Amino acid sequence: MIQALPKVLPVNELKNTANIMKVCQETEGPIVITKNGYGVAVMMSIKVYEEMFVKMRAAALINESLDDIDNGGELIDGEKFFSEIKRKHGR
C-alpha cells in the first residue's frame, strides 16, 4: 500500500477556518501545519484520527501478545479459543 505524502499548510492559513475544515474533511491523512517552514503541529479529521487510533491499538495488542509468547506465555489453540468465546458469550 502506497501512502500519499501528507498535506502541508502554513500556520497563517488557519485563519480561514471554513477552508481548513473543508480541507480536513477531504484529506485522507494528517495535515502538517508549518511555521517558518518547519512542522509545528498536525491536524486531522475525526475519521482519520479514529482510524489511526484503532490501528495503533491493534498493533499494541499484537506486540503485547508477541511479548507474552517470547516470555513463555501460554499458547491456546485458535479453534479452542473461539469455541470458548462462543460458549461464554452465546454467539
PDB file of N, CA and C in Angstrom:
ATOM      1  N   MET A   1       0.837  -1.176   0.000  1.00  0.00           N
ATOM      2  CA  MET A   1       0.000   0.000   0.000  1.00  0.00           C
ATOM      3  C   MET A   1       0.883   1.240   0.000  1.00  0.00           C
ATOM      4  N   ILE A   2       0.681   2.102  -0.959  1.00  0.00           N
ATOM      5  CA  ILE A   2       1.447   3.338  -1.067  1.00  0.00           C
ATOM      6  C   ILE A   2       0.673   4.456  -0.390  1.00  0.00           C
ATOM      7  N   GLN A   3       1.353   5.142   0.548  1.00  0.00           N
ATOM      8  CA  GLN A   3       0.719   6.255   1.230  1.00  0.00           C
ATOM      9  C   GLN A   3       1.112   7.550   0.553  1.00  0.00           C
ATOM     10  N   ALA A   4       0.140   8.435   0.415  1.00  0.00           N
ATOM     11  CA  ALA A   4       0.411   9.747  -0.156  1.00  0.00           C
ATOM     12  C   ALA A   4       1.180  10.583   0.861  1.00  0.00           C
ATOM     13  N   LEU A   5       1.948  11.536   0.357  1.00  0.00           N
ATOM     14  CA  LEU A   5       2.637  12.460   1.250  1.00  0.00           C
ATOM     15  C   LEU A   5       1.605  13.285   1.997  1.00  0.00           C
ATOM     16  N   PRO A   6       1.906  13.658   3.242  1.00  0.00           N
ATOM     17  CA  PRO A   6       0.928  14.442   3.990  1.00  0.00           C
ATOM     18  C   PRO A   6       0.752  15.835   3.388  1.00  0.00           C
ATOM     19  N   LYS A   7      -0.446  16.357   3.537  1.00  0.00           N
ATOM     20  CA  LYS A   7      -0.721  17.720   3.092  1.00  0.00           C
ATOM     21  C   LYS A   7      -0.026  18.661   4.069  1.00  0.00           C
ATOM     22  N   VAL A   8       0.555  19.734   3.553  1.00  0.00           N
ATOM     23  CA  VAL A   8       1.275  20.706   4.375  1.00  0.00           C
ATOM     24  C   VAL A   8       0.643  22.072   4.176  1.00  0.00           C
ATOM     25  N   LEU A   9       0.333  22.737   5.285  1.00  0.00           N
ATOM     26  CA  LEU A   9      -0.250  24.076   5.239  1.00  0.00           C
ATOM     27  C   LEU A   9       0.518  24.998   6.170  1.00  0.00           C
ATOM     28  N   PRO A  10       0.787  26.229   5.748  1.00  0.00           N
ATOM     29  CA  PRO A  10       1.408  27.192   6.664  1.00  0.00           C
ATOM     30  C   PRO A  10       0.400  27.645   7.717  1.00  0.00           C
ATOM     31  N   VAL A  11       0.896  27.982   8.890  1.00  0.00           N
ATOM     32  CA  VAL A  11       0.049  28.339  10.015  1.00  0.00           C
ATOM     33  C   VAL A  11      -0.876  29.515   9.703  1.00  0.00           C
ATOM     34  N   ASN A  12      -0.451  30.433   8.850  1.00  0.00           N
ATOM     35  CA  ASN A  12      -1.298  31.597   8.546  1.00  0.00           C
ATOM     36  C   ASN A  12      -2.582  31.219   7.801  1.00  0.00           C
ATOM     37  N   GLU A  13      -2.640  30.015   7.212  1.00  0.00           N
ATOM     38  CA  GLU A  13      -3.864  29.565   6.550  1.00  0.00           C
ATOM     39  C   GLU A  13      -4.928  29.111   7.545  1.00  0.00           C
ATOM     40  N   LEU A  14      -4.557  28.967   8.811  1.00  0.00           N
ATOM     41  CA  LEU A  14      -5.526  28.557   9.825  1.00  0.00           C
ATOM     42  C   LEU A  14      -6.553  29.646  10.108  1.00  0.00           C
ATOM     43  N   LYS A  15      -6.289  30.854   9.646  1.00  0.00           N
ATOM     44  CA  LYS A  15      -7.237  31.960   9.838  1.00  0.00           C
ATOM     45  C   LYS A  15      -8.545  31.707   9.098  1.00  0.00           C
ATOM     46  N   ASN A  16      -8.477  31.007   7.982  1.00  0.00           N
ATOM     47  CA  ASN A  16      -9.655  30.699   7.185  1.00  0.00           C
ATOM     48  C   ASN A  16     -10.243  29.371   7.670  1.00  0.00           C
ATOM     49  N   THR A  17     -10.991  29.433   8.770  1.00  0.00           N
ATOM     50  CA  THR A  17     -11.455  28.198   9.410  1.00  0.00           C
ATOM     51  C   THR A  17     -12.381  27.367   8.530  1.00  0.00           C
ATOM     52  N   ALA A  18     -13.221  28.025   7.745  1.00  0.00           N
ATOM     53  CA  ALA A  18     -14.140  27.270   6.874  1.00  0.00           C
ATOM     54  C   ALA A  18     -13.348  26.439   5.871  1.00  0.00           C
ATOM     55  N   ASN A  19     -12.318  27.017   5.298  1.00  0.00           N
ATOM     56  CA  ASN A  19     -11.489  26.295   4.331  1.00  0.00           C
ATOM     57  C   ASN A  19     -10.710  25.180   5.016  1.00  0.00           C
ATOM     58  N   ILE A  20     -10.198  25.444   6.205  1.00  0.00           N
ATOM     59  CA  ILE A  20      -9.438  24.419   6.932  1.00  0.00           C
ATOM     60  C   ILE A  20     -10.325  23.215   7.241  1.00  0.00           C
ATOM     61  N   MET A  21     -11.546  23.461   7.677  1.00  0.00           N
ATOM     62  CA  MET A  21     -12.458  22.350   7.976  1.00  0.00           C
ATOM     63  C   MET A  21     -12.757  21.553   6.710  1.00  0.00           C
ATOM     64  N   LYS A  22     -12.900  22.239   5.589  1.00  0.00           N
ATOM     65  CA  LYS A  22     -13.146  21.563   4.315  1.00  0.00           C
ATOM     66  C   LYS A  22     -11.934  20.698   3.939  1.00  0.00           C
ATOM     67  N   VAL A  23     -10.741  21.260   4.050  1.00  0.00           N
ATOM     68  CA  VAL A  23      -9.518  20.519   3.730  1.00  0.00           C
ATOM     69  C   VAL A  23      -9.388  19.310   4.652  1.00  0.00           C
ATOM     70  N   CYS A  24      -9.690  19.494   5.929  1.00  0.00           N
ATOM     71  CA  CYS A  24      -9.608  18.405   6.906  1.00  0.00           C
ATOM     72  C   CYS A  24     -10.535  17.258   6.520  1.00  0.00           C
ATOM     73  N   GLN A  25     -11.753  17.581   6.114  1.00  0.00           N
ATOM     74  CA  GLN A  25     -12.728  16.552   5.748  1.00  0.00           C
ATOM     75  C   GLN A  25     -12.344  15.835   4.455  1.00  0.00           C
ATOM     76  N   GLU A  26     -11.704  16.550   3.537  1.00  0.00           N
ATOM     77  CA  GLU A  26     -11.368  15.980   2.229  1.00  0.00           C
ATOM     78  C   GLU A  26     -10.045  15.224   2.223  1.00  0.00           C
ATOM     79  N   THR A  27      -9.189  15.488   3.199  1.00  0.00           N
ATOM     80  CA  THR A  27      -7.862  14.880   3.229  1.00  0.00           C
ATOM     81  C   THR A  27      -7.930  13.561   3.973  1.00  0.00           C
ATOM     82  N   GLU A  28      -7.363  12.519   3.382  1.00  0.00           N
ATOM     83  CA  GLU A  28      -7.444  11.185   3.979  1.00  0.00           C
ATOM     84  C   GLU A  28      -6.249  10.869   4.873  1.00  0.00           C
ATOM     85  N   GLY A  29      -5.586  11.894   5.335  1.00  0.00           N
ATOM     86  CA  GLY A  29      -4.445  11.701   6.221  1.00  0.00           C
ATOM     87  C   GLY A  29      -4.239  12.948   7.046  1.00  0.00           C
ATOM     88  N   PRO A  30      -3.213  12.947   7.872  1.00  0.00           N
ATOM     89  CA  PRO A  30      -2.955  14.124   8.693  1.00  0.00           C
ATOM     90  C   PRO A  30      -2.464  15.297   7.843  1.00  0.00           C
ATOM     91  N   ILE A  31      -2.707  16.489   8.342  1.00  0.00           N
ATOM     92  CA  ILE A  31      -2.257  17.721   7.693  1.00  0.00           C
ATOM     93  C   ILE A  31      -1.176  18.312   8.584  1.00  0.00           C
ATOM     94  N   VAL A  32      -0.004  18.553   8.027  1.00  0.00           N
ATOM     95  CA  VAL A  32       1.102  19.125   8.784  1.00  0.00           C
ATOM     96  C   VAL A  32       0.999  20.645   8.705  1.00  0.00           C
ATOM     97  N   ILE A  33       0.998  21.290   9.869  1.00  0.00           N
ATOM     98  CA  ILE A  33       0.954  22.748   9.941  1.00  0.00           C
ATOM     99  C   ILE A  33       2.382  23.224  10.173  1.00  0.00           C
ATOM    100  N   THR A  34       2.821  24.168   9.340  1.00  0.00           N
ATOM    101  CA  THR A  34       4.192  24.662   9.438  1.00  0.00           C
ATOM    102  C   THR A  34       4.235  26.122   9.850  1.00  0.00           C
ATOM    103  N   LYS A  35       5.348  26.488  10.466  1.00  0.00           N
ATOM    104  CA  LYS A  35       5.636  27.885  10.796  1.00  0.00           C
ATOM    105  C   LYS A  35       7.084  28.124  10.415  1.00  0.00           C
ATOM    106  N   ASN A  36       7.307  29.120   9.583  1.00  0.00           N
ATOM    107  CA  ASN A  36       8.653  29.425   9.084  1.00  0.00           C
ATOM    108  C   ASN A  36       9.299  28.205   8.424  1.00  0.00           C
ATOM    109  N   GLY A  37       8.474  27.394   7.761  1.00  0.00           N
ATOM    110  CA  GLY A  37       8.982  26.242   7.018  1.00  0.00           C
ATOM    111  C   GLY A  37       9.203  24.981   7.833  1.00  0.00           C
ATOM    112  N   TYR A  38       8.915  25.015   9.130  1.00  0.00           N
ATOM    113  CA  TYR A  38       9.113  23.854   9.994  1.00  0.00           C
ATOM    114  C   TYR A  38       7.777  23.342  10.517  1.00  0.00           C
ATOM    115  N   GLY A  39       7.638  22.038  10.587  1.00  0.00           N
ATOM    116  CA  GLY A  39       6.423  21.447  11.118  1.00  0.00           C
ATOM    117  C   GLY A  39       6.266  21.768  12.598  1.00  0.00           C
ATOM    118  N   VAL A  40       5.070  22.237  12.983  1.00  0.00           N
ATOM    119  CA  VAL A  40       4.819  22.576  14.388  1.00  0.00           C
ATOM    120  C   VAL A  40       3.588  21.863  14.950  1.00  0.00           C
ATOM    121  N   ALA A  41       2.729  21.356  14.090  1.00  0.00           N
ATOM    122  CA  ALA A  41       1.511  20.712  14.566  1.00  0.00           C
ATOM    123  C   ALA A  41       0.956  19.797  13.483  1.00  0.00           C
ATOM    124  N   VAL A  42       0.022  18.946  13.889  1.00  0.00           N
ATOM    125  CA  VAL A  42      -0.664  18.058  12.958  1.00  0.00           C
ATOM    126  C   VAL A  42      -2.159  18.195  13.199  1.00  0.00           C
ATOM    127  N   MET A  43      -2.919  18.261  12.124  1.00  0.00           N
ATOM    128  CA  MET A  43      -4.374  18.359  12.201  1.00  0.00           C
ATOM    129  C   MET A  43      -4.954  17.248  11.342  1.00  0.00           C
ATOM    130  N   MET A  44      -6.083  16.684  11.798  1.00  0.00           N
ATOM    131  CA  MET A  44      -6.725  15.636  11.013  1.00  0.00           C
ATOM    132  C   MET A  44      -8.203  15.582  11.353  1.00  0.00           C
ATOM    133  N   SER A  45      -8.952  14.964  10.457  1.00  0.00           N
ATOM    134  CA  SER A  45     -10.385  14.791  10.711  1.00  0.00           C
ATOM    135  C   SER A  45     -10.572  13.739  11.796  1.00  0.00           C
ATOM    136  N   ILE A  46     -11.719  13.755  12.418  1.00  0.00           N
ATOM    137  CA  ILE A  46     -12.043  12.746  13.431  1.00  0.00           C
ATOM    138  C   ILE A  46     -11.982  11.352  12.818  1.00  0.00           C
ATOM    139  N   LYS A  47     -12.460  11.209  11.582  1.00  0.00           N
ATOM    140  CA  LYS A  47     -12.443   9.907  10.907  1.00  0.00           C
ATOM    141  C   LYS A  47     -11.011   9.379  10.793  1.00  0.00           C
ATOM    142  N   VAL A  48     -10.087  10.222  10.347  1.00  0.00           N
ATOM    143  CA  VAL A  48      -8.688   9.812  10.207  1.00  0.00           C
ATOM    144  C   VAL A  48      -8.098   9.488  11.577  1.00  0.00           C
ATOM    145  N   TYR A  49      -8.406  10.322  12.573  1.00  0.00           N
ATOM    146  CA  TYR A  49      -7.911  10.085  13.936  1.00  0.00           C
ATOM    147  C   TYR A  49      -8.390   8.736  14.466  1.00  0.00           C
ATOM    148  N   GLU A  50      -9.671   8.462  14.323  1.00  0.00           N
ATOM    149  CA  GLU A  50     -10.226   7.202  14.820  1.00  0.00           C
ATOM    150  C   GLU A  50      -9.600   6.006  14.119  1.00  0.00           C
ATOM    151  N   GLU A  51      -9.407   6.110  12.795  1.00  0.00           N
ATOM    152  CA  GLU A  51      -8.785   5.013  12.046  1.00  0.00           C
ATOM    153  C   GLU A  51      -7.355   4.779  12.523  1.00  0.00           C
ATOM    154  N   MET A  52      -6.607   5.862  12.730  1.00  0.00           N
ATOM    155  CA  MET A  52      -5.226   5.741  13.199  1.00  0.00           C
ATOM    156  C   MET A  52      -5.189   5.164  14.612  1.00  0.00           C
ATOM    157  N   PHE A  53      -6.105   5.606  15.470  1.00  0.00           N
ATOM    158  CA  PHE A  53      -6.147   5.130  16.841  1.00  0.00           C
ATOM    159  C   PHE A  53      -6.437   3.635  16.891  1.00  0.00           C
ATOM    160  N   VAL A  54      -7.383   3.175  16.090  1.00  0.00           N
ATOM    161  CA  VAL A  54      -7.728   1.746  16.053  1.00  0.00           C
ATOM    162  C   VAL A  54      -6.525   0.925  15.584  1.00  0.00           C
ATOM    163  N   LYS A  55      -5.830   1.401  14.557  1.00  0.00           N
ATOM    164  CA  LYS A  55      -4.645   0.679  14.060  1.00  0.00           C
ATOM    165  C   LYS A  55      -3.540   0.646  15.103  1.00  0.00           C
ATOM    166  N   MET A  56      -3.313   1.762  15.786  1.00  0.00           N
ATOM    167  CA  MET A  56      -2.269   1.797  16.816  1.00  0.00           C
ATOM    168  C   MET A  56      -2.612   0.872  17.978  1.00  0.00           C
ATOM    169  N   ARG A  57      -3.881   0.839  18.366  1.00  0.00           N
ATOM    170  CA  ARG A  57      -4.309  -0.036  19.462  1.00  0.00           C
ATOM    171  C   ARG A  57      -4.156  -1.507  19.062  1.00  0.00           C
ATOM    172  N   ALA A  58      -4.536  -1.829  17.836  1.00  0.00           N
ATOM    173  CA  ALA A  58      -4.383  -3.211  17.360  1.00  0.00           C
ATOM    174  C   ALA A  58      -2.908  -3.608  17.340  1.00  0.00           C
ATOM    175  N   ALA A  59      -2.048  -2.719  16.862  1.00  0.00           N
ATOM    176  CA  ALA A  59      -0.611  -3.011  16.827  1.00  0.00           C
ATOM    177  C   ALA A  59      -0.063  -3.197  18.236  1.00  0.00           C
ATOM    178  N   ALA A  60      -0.521  -2.373  19.185  1.00  0.00           N
ATOM    179  CA  ALA A  60      -0.068  -2.502  20.574  1.00  0.00           C
ATOM    180  C   ALA A  60      -0.489  -3.851  21.157  1.00  0.00           C
ATOM    181  N   LEU A  61      -1.727  -4.276  20.880  1.00  0.00           N
ATOM    182  CA  LEU A  61      -2.195  -5.569  21.385  1.00  0.00           C
ATOM    183  C   LEU A  61      -1.421  -6.728  20.773  1.00  0.00           C
ATOM    184  N   ILE A  62      -1.129  -6.621  19.481  1.00  0.00           N
ATOM    185  CA  ILE A  62      -0.338  -7.671  18.814  1.00  0.00           C
ATOM    186  C   ILE A  62       1.055  -7.733  19.425  1.00  0.00           C
ATOM    187  N   ASN A  63       1.687  -6.561  19.608  1.00  0.00           N
ATOM    188  CA  ASN A  63       3.029  -6.536  20.202  1.00  0.00           C
ATOM    189  C   ASN A  63       3.024  -7.076  21.633  1.00  0.00           C
ATOM    190  N   GLU A  64       1.992  -6.746  22.387  1.00  0.00           N
ATOM    191  CA  GLU A  64       1.867  -7.259  23.749  1.00  0.00           C
ATOM    192  C   GLU A  64       1.746  -8.781  23.735  1.00  0.00           C
ATOM    193  N   SER A  65       0.970  -9.312  22.799  1.00  0.00           N
ATOM    194  CA  SER A  65       0.811 -10.762  22.686  1.00  0.00           C
ATOM    195  C   SER A  65       2.120 -11.433  22.283  1.00  0.00           C
ATOM    196  N   LEU A  66       2.848 -10.819  21.358  1.00  0.00           N
ATOM    197  CA  LEU A  66       4.138 -11.379  20.946  1.00  0.00           C
ATOM    198  C   LEU A  66       5.129 -11.365  22.107  1.00  0.00           C
ATOM    199  N   ASP A  67       5.101 -10.294  22.911  1.00  0.00           N
ATOM    200  CA  ASP A  67       5.958 -10.244  24.100  1.00  0.00           C
ATOM    201  C   ASP A  67       5.590 -11.353  25.083  1.00  0.00           C
ATOM    202  N   ASP A  68       4.281 -11.573  25.253  1.00  0.00           N
ATOM    203  CA  ASP A  68       3.834 -12.655  26.137  1.00  0.00           C
ATOM    204  C   ASP A  68       4.376 -13.998  25.661  1.00  0.00           C
ATOM    205  N   ILE A  69       4.311 -14.246  24.363  1.00  0.00           N
ATOM    206  CA  ILE A  69       4.815 -15.505  23.794  1.00  0.00           C
ATOM    207  C   ILE A  69       6.319 -15.614  24.031  1.00  0.00           C
ATOM    208  N   ASP A  70       7.043 -14.521  23.771  1.00  0.00           N
ATOM    209  CA  ASP A  70       8.502 -14.527  23.976  1.00  0.00           C
ATOM    210  C   ASP A  70       8.876 -14.791  25.437  1.00  0.00           C
ATOM    211  N   ASN A  71       8.004 -14.401  26.353  1.00  0.00           N
ATOM    212  CA  ASN A  71       8.275 -14.573  27.784  1.00  0.00           C
ATOM    213  C   ASN A  71       7.623 -15.823  28.363  1.00  0.00           C
ATOM    214  N   GLY A  72       7.302 -16.772  27.488  1.00  0.00           N
ATOM    215  CA  GLY A  72       6.799 -18.060  27.951  1.00  0.00           C
ATOM    216  C   GLY A  72       5.316 -18.104  28.247  1.00  0.00           C
ATOM    217  N   GLY A  73       4.568 -17.160  27.708  1.00  0.00           N
ATOM    218  CA  GLY A  73       3.125 -17.148  27.925  1.00  0.00           C
ATOM    219  C   GLY A  73       2.451 -18.381  27.334  1.00  0.00           C
ATOM    220  N   GLU A  74       1.298 -18.703  27.870  1.00  0.00           N
ATOM    221  CA  GLU A  74       0.561 -19.888  27.428  1.00  0.00           C
ATOM    222  C   GLU A  74      -0.019 -19.676  26.031  1.00  0.00           C
ATOM    223  N   LEU A  75       0.195 -20.638  25.157  1.00  0.00           N
ATOM    224  CA  LEU A  75      -0.393 -20.606  23.822  1.00  0.00           C
ATOM    225  C   LEU A  75      -1.699 -21.389  23.851  1.00  0.00           C
ATOM    226  N   ILE A  76      -2.718 -20.860  23.172  1.00  0.00           N
ATOM    227  CA  ILE A  76      -4.025 -21.505  23.134  1.00  0.00           C
ATOM    228  C   ILE A  76      -4.378 -21.778  21.680  1.00  0.00           C
ATOM    229  N   ASP A  77      -4.876 -22.972  21.411  1.00  0.00           N
ATOM    230  CA  ASP A  77      -5.322 -23.336  20.073  1.00  0.00           C
ATOM    231  C   ASP A  77      -6.432 -22.383  19.626  1.00  0.00           C
ATOM    232  N   GLY A  78      -6.357 -21.885  18.396  1.00  0.00           N
ATOM    233  CA  GLY A  78      -7.330 -20.925  17.878  1.00  0.00           C
ATOM    234  C   GLY A  78      -8.756 -21.433  17.913  1.00  0.00           C
ATOM    235  N   GLU A  79      -8.988 -22.660  17.463  1.00  0.00           N
ATOM    236  CA  GLU A  79     -10.347 -23.220  17.467  1.00  0.00           C
ATOM    237  C   GLU A  79     -10.884 -23.335  18.883  1.00  0.00           C
ATOM    238  N   LYS A  80     -10.029 -23.763  19.809  1.00  0.00           N
ATOM    239  CA  LYS A  80     -10.428 -23.879  21.210  1.00  0.00           C
ATOM    240  C   LYS A  80     -10.781 -22.493  21.779  1.00  0.00           C
ATOM    241  N   PHE A  81      -9.979 -21.511  21.450  1.00  0.00           N
ATOM    242  CA  PHE A  81     -10.207 -20.142  21.929  1.00  0.00           C
ATOM    243  C   PHE A  81     -11.563 -19.623  21.462  1.00  0.00           C
ATOM    244  N   PHE A  82     -11.839 -19.738  20.157  1.00  0.00           N
ATOM    245  CA  PHE A  82     -13.096 -19.219  19.619  1.00  0.00           C
ATOM    246  C   PHE A  82     -14.303 -20.011  20.123  1.00  0.00           C
ATOM    247  N   SER A  83     -14.146 -21.305  20.315  1.00  0.00           N
ATOM    248  CA  SER A  83     -15.234 -22.112  20.887  1.00  0.00           C
ATOM    249  C   SER A  83     -15.557 -21.630  22.294  1.00  0.00           C
ATOM    250  N   GLU A  84     -14.524 -21.339  23.072  1.00  0.00           N
ATOM    251  CA  GLU A  84     -14.714 -20.857  24.438  1.00  0.00           C
ATOM    252  C   GLU A  84     -15.396 -19.488  24.451  1.00  0.00           C
ATOM    253  N   ILE A  85     -15.007 -18.613  23.544  1.00  0.00           N
ATOM    254  CA  ILE A  85     -15.640 -17.286  23.439  1.00  0.00           C
ATOM    255  C   ILE A  85     -17.114 -17.433  23.084  1.00  0.00           C
ATOM    256  N   LYS A  86     -17.412 -18.294  22.112  1.00  0.00           N
ATOM    257  CA  LYS A  86     -18.798 -18.523  21.711  1.00  0.00           C
ATOM    258  C   LYS A  86     -19.615 -19.098  22.873  1.00  0.00           C
ATOM    259  N   ARG A  87     -19.015 -20.013  23.622  1.00  0.00           N
ATOM    260  CA  ARG A  87     -19.698 -20.612  24.764  1.00  0.00           C
ATOM    261  C   ARG A  87     -20.005 -19.556  25.834  1.00  0.00           C
ATOM    262  N   LYS A  88     -19.027 -18.687  26.118  1.00  0.00           N
ATOM    263  CA  LYS A  88     -19.200 -17.658  27.161  1.00  0.00           C
ATOM    264  C   LYS A  88     -20.186 -16.577  26.747  1.00  0.00           C
ATOM    265  N   HIS A  89     -20.151 -16.205  25.470  1.00  0.00           N
ATOM    266  CA  HIS A  89     -20.934 -15.058  25.021  1.00  0.00           C
ATOM    267  C   HIS A  89     -22.129 -15.434  24.141  1.00  0.00           C
ATOM    268  N   GLY A  90     -22.318 -16.716  23.917  1.00  0.00           N
ATOM    269  CA  GLY A  90     -23.502 -17.191  23.215  1.00  0.00           C
ATOM    270  C   GLY A  90     -23.595 -16.781  21.742  1.00  0.00           C
ATOM    271  N   ARG A  91     -22.496 -16.639  21.092  1.00  0.00           N
ATOM    272  CA  ARG A  91     -22.557 -16.260  19.674  1.00  0.00           C
ATOM    273  C   ARG A  91     -21.805 -17.244  18.824  1.00  0.00           C
TER     274      ARG A  91
END
